[in-house]
Structures are given as C-alpha cells and as structure tokens.
Full PDB file with SEQRES, HELIX, SHEET, SSBOND, CRYST1, ORIGX, SCALE, CONECT and MASTER records, all heavy atoms in Angstrom:
SEQRES   1 A   32  THR ALA GLY VAL PHE HIS VAL SER VAL ARG VAL GLU LYS          
SEQRES   2 A   32  GLU THR ASN GLU GLU LEU ALA LYS PRO LEU GLU LEU THR          
SEQRES   3 A   32  HIS ALA ASP TRP THR SER                                      
HELIX    1 AA1 LEU A   25  HIS A   27  5                                   3    
SHEET    1 AA1 2 THR A  15  ASN A  16  0                                        
SHEET    2 AA1 2 TRP A  30  THR A  31 -1                                        
CRYST1    1.000    1.000    1.000  90.00  90.00  90.00 P 1           1          
ORIGX1      1.000000  0.000000  0.000000        0.00000                         
ORIGX2      0.000000  1.000000  0.000000        0.00000                         
ORIGX3      0.000000  0.000000  1.000000        0.00000                         
SCALE1      1.000000  0.000000  0.000000        0.00000                         
SCALE2      0.000000  1.000000  0.000000        0.00000                         
SCALE3      0.000000  0.000000  1.000000        0.00000                         
ATOM      1  N   THR A   1       6.963   1.010  29.863  1.00  0.00           N  
ATOM      2  CA  THR A   1       7.554   1.605  31.061  1.00  0.00           C  
ATOM      3  C   THR A   1       8.464   2.725  30.578  1.00  0.00           C  
ATOM      4  O   THR A   1       8.607   2.929  29.374  1.00  0.00           O  
ATOM      5  CB  THR A   1       8.374   0.560  31.862  1.00  0.00           C  
ATOM      6  OG1 THR A   1       9.428   0.071  31.030  1.00  0.00           O  
ATOM      7  CG2 THR A   1       7.516  -0.589  32.343  1.00  0.00           C  
ATOM      8  N   ALA A   2       9.084   3.418  31.484  1.00  0.00           N  
ATOM      9  CA  ALA A   2       9.949   4.545  31.105  1.00  0.00           C  
ATOM     10  C   ALA A   2      11.056   4.068  30.170  1.00  0.00           C  
ATOM     11  O   ALA A   2      11.879   3.242  30.544  1.00  0.00           O  
ATOM     12  CB  ALA A   2      10.542   5.181  32.347  1.00  0.00           C  
ATOM     13  N   GLY A   3      11.033   4.549  28.949  1.00  0.00           N  
ATOM     14  CA  GLY A   3      12.066   4.215  27.980  1.00  0.00           C  
ATOM     15  C   GLY A   3      11.885   2.903  27.238  1.00  0.00           C  
ATOM     16  O   GLY A   3      12.687   2.579  26.373  1.00  0.00           O  
ATOM     17  N   VAL A   4      10.859   2.139  27.555  1.00  0.00           N  
ATOM     18  CA  VAL A   4      10.600   0.866  26.867  1.00  0.00           C  
ATOM     19  C   VAL A   4       9.286   0.996  26.110  1.00  0.00           C  
ATOM     20  O   VAL A   4       8.249   1.290  26.700  1.00  0.00           O  
ATOM     21  CB  VAL A   4      10.531  -0.325  27.848  1.00  0.00           C  
ATOM     22  CG1 VAL A   4      10.218  -1.614  27.110  1.00  0.00           C  
ATOM     23  CG2 VAL A   4      11.839  -0.454  28.614  1.00  0.00           C  
ATOM     24  N   PHE A   5       9.362   0.782  24.811  1.00  0.00           N  
ATOM     25  CA  PHE A   5       8.198   0.946  23.945  1.00  0.00           C  
ATOM     26  C   PHE A   5       7.863  -0.368  23.249  1.00  0.00           C  
ATOM     27  O   PHE A   5       8.765  -1.096  22.816  1.00  0.00           O  
ATOM     28  CB  PHE A   5       8.461   2.011  22.876  1.00  0.00           C  
ATOM     29  CG  PHE A   5       8.631   3.394  23.426  1.00  0.00           C  
ATOM     30  CD1 PHE A   5       9.861   3.836  23.881  1.00  0.00           C  
ATOM     31  CD2 PHE A   5       7.542   4.253  23.506  1.00  0.00           C  
ATOM     32  CE1 PHE A   5      10.014   5.108  24.392  1.00  0.00           C  
ATOM     33  CE2 PHE A   5       7.686   5.530  24.016  1.00  0.00           C  
ATOM     34  CZ  PHE A   5       8.923   5.958  24.461  1.00  0.00           C  
ATOM     35  N   HIS A   6       6.567  -0.649  23.153  1.00  0.00           N  
ATOM     36  CA  HIS A   6       6.090  -1.774  22.344  1.00  0.00           C  
ATOM     37  C   HIS A   6       5.748  -1.190  20.979  1.00  0.00           C  
ATOM     38  O   HIS A   6       4.919  -0.284  20.882  1.00  0.00           O  
ATOM     39  CB  HIS A   6       4.852  -2.426  22.980  1.00  0.00           C  
ATOM     40  CG  HIS A   6       4.371  -3.602  22.196  1.00  0.00           C  
ATOM     41  ND1 HIS A   6       5.029  -4.809  22.209  1.00  0.00           N  
ATOM     42  CD2 HIS A   6       3.323  -3.742  21.355  1.00  0.00           C  
ATOM     43  CE1 HIS A   6       4.397  -5.647  21.414  1.00  0.00           C  
ATOM     44  NE2 HIS A   6       3.360  -5.021  20.875  1.00  0.00           N  
ATOM     45  N   VAL A   7       6.409  -1.681  19.934  1.00  0.00           N  
ATOM     46  CA  VAL A   7       6.218  -1.137  18.593  1.00  0.00           C  
ATOM     47  C   VAL A   7       5.565  -2.171  17.686  1.00  0.00           C  
ATOM     48  O   VAL A   7       5.770  -3.371  17.838  1.00  0.00           O  
ATOM     49  CB  VAL A   7       7.552  -0.644  17.982  1.00  0.00           C  
ATOM     50  CG1 VAL A   7       8.141   0.473  18.810  1.00  0.00           C  
ATOM     51  CG2 VAL A   7       8.548  -1.769  17.842  1.00  0.00           C  
ATOM     52  N   SER A   8       4.761  -1.686  16.742  1.00  0.00           N  
ATOM     53  CA  SER A   8       4.093  -2.524  15.753  1.00  0.00           C  
ATOM     54  C   SER A   8       4.311  -1.906  14.385  1.00  0.00           C  
ATOM     55  O   SER A   8       4.188  -0.690  14.220  1.00  0.00           O  
ATOM     56  CB  SER A   8       2.586  -2.598  16.035  1.00  0.00           C  
ATOM     57  OG  SER A   8       2.345  -3.069  17.330  1.00  0.00           O  
ATOM     58  N   VAL A   9       4.636  -2.746  13.406  1.00  0.00           N  
ATOM     59  CA  VAL A   9       4.876  -2.288  12.043  1.00  0.00           C  
ATOM     60  C   VAL A   9       3.979  -3.081  11.103  1.00  0.00           C  
ATOM     61  O   VAL A   9       3.838  -4.296  11.230  1.00  0.00           O  
ATOM     62  CB  VAL A   9       6.355  -2.476  11.628  1.00  0.00           C  
ATOM     63  CG1 VAL A   9       6.588  -1.988  10.206  1.00  0.00           C  
ATOM     64  CG2 VAL A   9       7.288  -1.774  12.602  1.00  0.00           C  
ATOM     65  N   ARG A  10       3.375  -2.378  10.158  1.00  0.00           N  
ATOM     66  CA  ARG A  10       2.512  -2.987   9.148  1.00  0.00           C  
ATOM     67  C   ARG A  10       2.857  -2.379   7.802  1.00  0.00           C  
ATOM     68  O   ARG A  10       3.084  -1.177   7.703  1.00  0.00           O  
ATOM     69  CB  ARG A  10       1.044  -2.705   9.464  1.00  0.00           C  
ATOM     70  CG  ARG A  10       0.101  -3.113   8.371  1.00  0.00           C  
ATOM     71  CD  ARG A  10      -1.349  -2.742   8.690  1.00  0.00           C  
ATOM     72  NE  ARG A  10      -2.181  -3.111   7.567  1.00  0.00           N  
ATOM     73  CZ  ARG A  10      -3.069  -2.322   7.005  1.00  0.00           C  
ATOM     74  NH1 ARG A  10      -3.290  -1.117   7.496  1.00  0.00           N  
ATOM     75  NH2 ARG A  10      -3.761  -2.732   5.975  1.00  0.00           N  
ATOM     76  N   VAL A  11       2.911  -3.210   6.754  1.00  0.00           N  
ATOM     77  CA  VAL A  11       3.101  -2.704   5.402  1.00  0.00           C  
ATOM     78  C   VAL A  11       1.863  -3.086   4.599  1.00  0.00           C  
ATOM     79  O   VAL A  11       1.632  -4.247   4.286  1.00  0.00           O  
ATOM     80  CB  VAL A  11       4.384  -3.251   4.745  1.00  0.00           C  
ATOM     81  CG1 VAL A  11       4.483  -2.782   3.296  1.00  0.00           C  
ATOM     82  CG2 VAL A  11       5.616  -2.792   5.527  1.00  0.00           C  
ATOM     83  N   GLU A  12       1.058  -2.084   4.336  1.00  0.00           N  
ATOM     84  CA  GLU A  12      -0.186  -2.224   3.566  1.00  0.00           C  
ATOM     85  C   GLU A  12       0.192  -2.324   2.088  1.00  0.00           C  
ATOM     86  O   GLU A  12       1.052  -1.581   1.615  1.00  0.00           O  
ATOM     87  CB  GLU A  12      -1.011  -0.971   3.850  1.00  0.00           C  
ATOM     88  CG  GLU A  12      -2.225  -0.760   3.059  1.00  0.00           C  
ATOM     89  CD  GLU A  12      -2.868   0.576   3.378  1.00  0.00           C  
ATOM     90  OE1 GLU A  12      -2.265   1.438   4.066  1.00  0.00           O  
ATOM     91  OE2 GLU A  12      -3.999   0.762   2.938  1.00  0.00           O  
ATOM     92  N   LYS A  13      -0.445  -3.243   1.362  1.00  0.00           N  
ATOM     93  CA  LYS A  13      -0.079  -3.451  -0.039  1.00  0.00           C  
ATOM     94  C   LYS A  13      -1.326  -3.500  -0.910  1.00  0.00           C  
ATOM     95  O   LYS A  13      -2.335  -4.098  -0.532  1.00  0.00           O  
ATOM     96  CB  LYS A  13       0.702  -4.756  -0.176  1.00  0.00           C  
ATOM     97  CG  LYS A  13       1.378  -4.939  -1.506  1.00  0.00           C  
ATOM     98  CD  LYS A  13       2.309  -6.134  -1.460  1.00  0.00           C  
ATOM     99  CE  LYS A  13       3.014  -6.307  -2.779  1.00  0.00           C  
ATOM    100  NZ  LYS A  13       3.891  -7.466  -2.763  1.00  0.00           N  
ATOM    101  N   GLU A  14      -1.256  -2.873  -2.088  1.00  0.00           N  
ATOM    102  CA  GLU A  14      -2.354  -2.881  -3.057  1.00  0.00           C  
ATOM    103  C   GLU A  14      -1.788  -3.208  -4.433  1.00  0.00           C  
ATOM    104  O   GLU A  14      -0.620  -2.930  -4.718  1.00  0.00           O  
ATOM    105  CB  GLU A  14      -3.048  -1.513  -3.102  1.00  0.00           C  
ATOM    106  CG  GLU A  14      -3.725  -1.133  -1.811  1.00  0.00           C  
ATOM    107  CD  GLU A  14      -4.419   0.214  -1.864  1.00  0.00           C  
ATOM    108  OE1 GLU A  14      -4.202   0.973  -2.827  1.00  0.00           O  
ATOM    109  OE2 GLU A  14      -5.197   0.502  -0.936  1.00  0.00           O  
ATOM    110  N   THR A  15      -2.626  -3.810  -5.288  1.00  0.00           N  
ATOM    111  CA  THR A  15      -2.221  -4.127  -6.658  1.00  0.00           C  
ATOM    112  C   THR A  15      -3.019  -3.285  -7.641  1.00  0.00           C  
ATOM    113  O   THR A  15      -4.156  -2.908  -7.377  1.00  0.00           O  
ATOM    114  CB  THR A  15      -2.431  -5.616  -6.989  1.00  0.00           C  
ATOM    115  OG1 THR A  15      -3.805  -5.943  -6.796  1.00  0.00           O  
ATOM    116  CG2 THR A  15      -1.569  -6.503  -6.120  1.00  0.00           C  
ATOM    117  N   ASN A  16      -2.413  -3.015  -8.791  1.00  0.00           N  
ATOM    118  CA  ASN A  16      -3.046  -2.225  -9.840  1.00  0.00           C  
ATOM    119  C   ASN A  16      -3.793  -3.170 -10.778  1.00  0.00           C  
ATOM    120  O   ASN A  16      -3.186  -3.977 -11.473  1.00  0.00           O  
ATOM    121  CB  ASN A  16      -1.989  -1.419 -10.603  1.00  0.00           C  
ATOM    122  CG  ASN A  16      -2.593  -0.520 -11.658  1.00  0.00           C  
ATOM    123  OD1 ASN A  16      -3.798  -0.390 -11.776  1.00  0.00           O  
ATOM    124  ND2 ASN A  16      -1.733   0.119 -12.430  1.00  0.00           N  
ATOM    125  N   GLU A  17      -5.108  -3.062 -10.800  1.00  0.00           N  
ATOM    126  CA  GLU A  17      -5.946  -3.932 -11.624  1.00  0.00           C  
ATOM    127  C   GLU A  17      -6.350  -3.268 -12.945  1.00  0.00           C  
ATOM    128  O   GLU A  17      -7.224  -3.779 -13.644  1.00  0.00           O  
ATOM    129  CB  GLU A  17      -7.186  -4.372 -10.833  1.00  0.00           C  
ATOM    130  CG  GLU A  17      -6.862  -5.157  -9.581  1.00  0.00           C  
ATOM    131  CD  GLU A  17      -6.085  -6.440  -9.851  1.00  0.00           C  
ATOM    132  OE1 GLU A  17      -6.360  -7.112 -10.864  1.00  0.00           O  
ATOM    133  OE2 GLU A  17      -5.191  -6.759  -9.049  1.00  0.00           O  
ATOM    134  N   GLU A  18      -5.723  -2.166 -13.300  1.00  0.00           N  
ATOM    135  CA  GLU A  18      -6.008  -1.477 -14.559  1.00  0.00           C  
ATOM    136  C   GLU A  18      -5.524  -2.337 -15.723  1.00  0.00           C  
ATOM    137  O   GLU A  18      -4.371  -2.763 -15.763  1.00  0.00           O  
ATOM    138  CB  GLU A  18      -5.318  -0.106 -14.588  1.00  0.00           C  
ATOM    139  CG  GLU A  18      -5.366   0.617 -15.903  1.00  0.00           C  
ATOM    140  CD  GLU A  18      -6.771   0.950 -16.389  1.00  0.00           C  
ATOM    141  OE1 GLU A  18      -7.689   1.108 -15.550  1.00  0.00           O  
ATOM    142  OE2 GLU A  18      -6.947   1.044 -17.606  1.00  0.00           O  
ATOM    143  N   LEU A  19      -6.406  -2.590 -16.680  1.00  0.00           N  
ATOM    144  CA  LEU A  19      -6.070  -3.441 -17.826  1.00  0.00           C  
ATOM    145  C   LEU A  19      -5.542  -2.631 -19.006  1.00  0.00           C  
ATOM    146  O   LEU A  19      -4.542  -2.977 -19.618  1.00  0.00           O  
ATOM    147  CB  LEU A  19      -7.300  -4.250 -18.259  1.00  0.00           C  
ATOM    148  CG  LEU A  19      -7.110  -5.203 -19.428  1.00  0.00           C  
ATOM    149  CD1 LEU A  19      -6.078  -6.263 -19.082  1.00  0.00           C  
ATOM    150  CD2 LEU A  19      -8.428  -5.864 -19.789  1.00  0.00           C  
ATOM    151  N   ALA A  20      -6.198  -1.519 -19.340  1.00  0.00           N  
ATOM    152  CA  ALA A  20      -5.868  -0.778 -20.554  1.00  0.00           C  
ATOM    153  C   ALA A  20      -4.559   0.010 -20.439  1.00  0.00           C  
ATOM    154  O   ALA A  20      -3.751  -0.010 -21.366  1.00  0.00           O  
ATOM    155  CB  ALA A  20      -7.012   0.169 -20.913  1.00  0.00           C  
ATOM    156  N   LYS A  21      -4.348   0.716 -19.335  1.00  0.00           N  
ATOM    157  CA  LYS A  21      -3.163   1.567 -19.183  1.00  0.00           C  
ATOM    158  C   LYS A  21      -2.508   1.331 -17.816  1.00  0.00           C  
ATOM    159  O   LYS A  21      -2.493   2.221 -16.966  1.00  0.00           O  
ATOM    160  CB  LYS A  21      -3.556   3.033 -19.329  1.00  0.00           C  
ATOM    161  CG  LYS A  21      -4.130   3.364 -20.701  1.00  0.00           C  
ATOM    162  CD  LYS A  21      -4.534   4.818 -20.776  1.00  0.00           C  
ATOM    163  CE  LYS A  21      -5.115   5.122 -22.143  1.00  0.00           C  
ATOM    164  NZ  LYS A  21      -5.528   6.517 -22.254  1.00  0.00           N  
ATOM    165  N   PRO A  22      -1.930   0.158 -17.612  1.00  0.00           N  
ATOM    166  CA  PRO A  22      -1.376  -0.146 -16.281  1.00  0.00           C  
ATOM    167  C   PRO A  22      -0.136   0.648 -15.909  1.00  0.00           C  
ATOM    168  O   PRO A  22       0.233   0.695 -14.748  1.00  0.00           O  
ATOM    169  CB  PRO A  22      -1.060  -1.641 -16.371  1.00  0.00           C  
ATOM    170  CG  PRO A  22      -0.836  -1.890 -17.821  1.00  0.00           C  
ATOM    171  CD  PRO A  22      -1.763  -0.946 -18.540  1.00  0.00           C  
ATOM    172  N   LEU A  23       0.524   1.289 -16.878  1.00  0.00           N  
ATOM    173  CA  LEU A  23       1.728   2.063 -16.581  1.00  0.00           C  
ATOM    174  C   LEU A  23       1.455   3.533 -16.326  1.00  0.00           C  
ATOM    175  O   LEU A  23       2.379   4.302 -16.085  1.00  0.00           O  
ATOM    176  CB  LEU A  23       2.746   1.918 -17.723  1.00  0.00           C  
ATOM    177  CG  LEU A  23       3.366   0.524 -17.847  1.00  0.00           C  
ATOM    178  CD1 LEU A  23       4.231   0.442 -19.084  1.00  0.00           C  
ATOM    179  CD2 LEU A  23       4.170   0.175 -16.612  1.00  0.00           C  
ATOM    180  N   GLU A  24       0.185   3.930 -16.384  1.00  0.00           N  
ATOM    181  CA  GLU A  24      -0.165   5.323 -16.130  1.00  0.00           C  
ATOM    182  C   GLU A  24      -0.786   5.445 -14.739  1.00  0.00           C  
ATOM    183  O   GLU A  24      -1.862   4.909 -14.479  1.00  0.00           O  
ATOM    184  CB  GLU A  24      -1.120   5.832 -17.202  1.00  0.00           C  
ATOM    185  CG  GLU A  24      -0.459   5.929 -18.566  1.00  0.00           C  
ATOM    186  CD  GLU A  24      -1.352   6.562 -19.605  1.00  0.00           C  
ATOM    187  OE1 GLU A  24      -2.257   7.350 -19.232  1.00  0.00           O  
ATOM    188  OE2 GLU A  24      -1.143   6.265 -20.785  1.00  0.00           O  
ATOM    189  N   LEU A  25      -0.104   6.156 -13.884  1.00  0.00           N  
ATOM    190  CA  LEU A  25      -0.524   6.293 -12.487  1.00  0.00           C  
ATOM    191  C   LEU A  25      -1.909   6.920 -12.358  1.00  0.00           C  
ATOM    192  O   LEU A  25      -2.687   6.540 -11.482  1.00  0.00           O  
ATOM    193  CB  LEU A  25       0.510   7.111 -11.716  1.00  0.00           C  
ATOM    194  CG  LEU A  25       0.364   7.175 -10.205  1.00  0.00           C  
ATOM    195  CD1 LEU A  25       0.324   5.774  -9.603  1.00  0.00           C  
ATOM    196  CD2 LEU A  25       1.491   7.979  -9.596  1.00  0.00           C  
ATOM    197  N   THR A  26      -2.247   7.828 -13.263  1.00  0.00           N  
ATOM    198  CA  THR A  26      -3.552   8.495 -13.182  1.00  0.00           C  
ATOM    199  C   THR A  26      -4.705   7.549 -13.513  1.00  0.00           C  
ATOM    200  O   THR A  26      -5.840   7.814 -13.152  1.00  0.00           O  
ATOM    201  CB  THR A  26      -3.611   9.706 -14.130  1.00  0.00           C  
ATOM    202  OG1 THR A  26      -3.312   9.274 -15.455  1.00  0.00           O  
ATOM    203  CG2 THR A  26      -2.637  10.782 -13.688  1.00  0.00           C  
ATOM    204  N   HIS A  27      -4.436   6.438 -14.190  1.00  0.00           N  
ATOM    205  CA  HIS A  27      -5.479   5.470 -14.537  1.00  0.00           C  
ATOM    206  C   HIS A  27      -5.467   4.240 -13.622  1.00  0.00           C  
ATOM    207  O   HIS A  27      -6.241   3.314 -13.826  1.00  0.00           O  
ATOM    208  CB  HIS A  27      -5.316   5.007 -15.986  1.00  0.00           C  
ATOM    209  CG  HIS A  27      -5.652   6.063 -16.978  1.00  0.00           C  
ATOM    210  ND1 HIS A  27      -4.701   6.935 -17.467  1.00  0.00           N  
ATOM    211  CD2 HIS A  27      -6.824   6.409 -17.555  1.00  0.00           C  
ATOM    212  CE1 HIS A  27      -5.276   7.764 -18.317  1.00  0.00           C  
ATOM    213  NE2 HIS A  27      -6.564   7.484 -18.375  1.00  0.00           N  
ATOM    214  N   ALA A  28      -4.583   4.218 -12.649  1.00  0.00           N  
ATOM    215  CA  ALA A  28      -4.429   3.039 -11.787  1.00  0.00           C  
ATOM    216  C   ALA A  28      -5.733   2.717 -11.057  1.00  0.00           C  
ATOM    217  O   ALA A  28      -6.469   3.613 -10.641  1.00  0.00           O  
ATOM    218  CB  ALA A  28      -3.316   3.264 -10.779  1.00  0.00           C  
ATOM    219  N   ASP A  29      -6.005   1.430 -10.929  1.00  0.00           N  
ATOM    220  CA  ASP A  29      -7.189   0.914 -10.226  1.00  0.00           C  
ATOM    221  C   ASP A  29      -6.676   0.038  -9.080  1.00  0.00           C  
ATOM    222  O   ASP A  29      -6.437  -1.151  -9.265  1.00  0.00           O  
ATOM    223  CB  ASP A  29      -8.058   0.113 -11.198  1.00  0.00           C  
ATOM    224  CG  ASP A  29      -9.279  -0.488 -10.535  1.00  0.00           C  
ATOM    225  OD1 ASP A  29      -9.672  -0.011  -9.451  1.00  0.00           O  
ATOM    226  OD2 ASP A  29      -9.841  -1.446 -11.108  1.00  0.00           O  
ATOM    227  N   TRP A  30      -6.486   0.653  -7.902  1.00  0.00           N  
ATOM    228  CA  TRP A  30      -5.852  -0.036  -6.786  1.00  0.00           C  
ATOM    229  C   TRP A  30      -6.838  -0.912  -6.030  1.00  0.00           C  
ATOM    230  O   TRP A  30      -7.928  -0.483  -5.679  1.00  0.00           O  
ATOM    231  CB  TRP A  30      -5.210   0.969  -5.844  1.00  0.00           C  
ATOM    232  CG  TRP A  30      -4.153   1.786  -6.500  1.00  0.00           C  
ATOM    233  CD1 TRP A  30      -4.221   3.111  -6.811  1.00  0.00           C  
ATOM    234  CD2 TRP A  30      -2.885   1.333  -6.955  1.00  0.00           C  
ATOM    235  NE1 TRP A  30      -3.063   3.510  -7.421  1.00  0.00           N  
ATOM    236  CE2 TRP A  30      -2.221   2.436  -7.534  1.00  0.00           C  
ATOM    237  CE3 TRP A  30      -2.226   0.104  -6.948  1.00  0.00           C  
ATOM    238  CZ2 TRP A  30      -0.948   2.352  -8.068  1.00  0.00           C  
ATOM    239  CZ3 TRP A  30      -0.961   0.022  -7.485  1.00  0.00           C  
ATOM    240  CH2 TRP A  30      -0.332   1.125  -8.036  1.00  0.00           C  
ATOM    241  N   THR A  31      -6.424  -2.155  -5.761  1.00  0.00           N  
ATOM    242  CA  THR A  31      -7.228  -3.118  -5.010  1.00  0.00           C  
ATOM    243  C   THR A  31      -6.390  -3.626  -3.842  1.00  0.00           C  
ATOM    244  O   THR A  31      -5.233  -4.023  -4.032  1.00  0.00           O  
ATOM    245  CB  THR A  31      -7.635  -4.306  -5.907  1.00  0.00           C  
ATOM    246  OG1 THR A  31      -8.347  -3.797  -7.031  1.00  0.00           O  
ATOM    247  CG2 THR A  31      -8.506  -5.286  -5.151  1.00  0.00           C  
ATOM    248  N   SER A  32      -6.969  -3.629  -2.651  1.00  0.00           N  
ATOM    249  CA  SER A  32      -6.250  -4.091  -1.459  1.00  0.00           C  
ATOM    250  C   SER A  32      -5.868  -5.552  -1.585  1.00  0.00           C  
ATOM    251  O   SER A  32      -6.633  -6.368  -2.084  1.00  0.00           O  
ATOM    252  CB  SER A  32      -7.115  -3.914  -0.211  1.00  0.00           C  
ATOM    253  OG  SER A  32      -7.300  -2.552   0.051  1.00  0.00           O  
TER     254      SER A  32                                                      
MASTER        0    0    0    1    2    0    0    6  253    1    0    3          
END                                                                             
C-alpha cells in the first residue's frame, strides 16, 4: 500500500573448491 513495502533479503553463498591454489582469486573454483 502507499508507503508500506514487503521486502525480501537473500544472501547467496559459494565455496571455493580449488585445491592447488585456493588463495588466488584468479584460480578460484566457485560452487554454489
């Protein structure tokens, strides 16, 4: 209604499955 909003928040998360170079962002292997 006027001035009343229904809001939804989601935080999408992924893990880095890179084995050899897990600290290098360019080699990251992201899995949902």
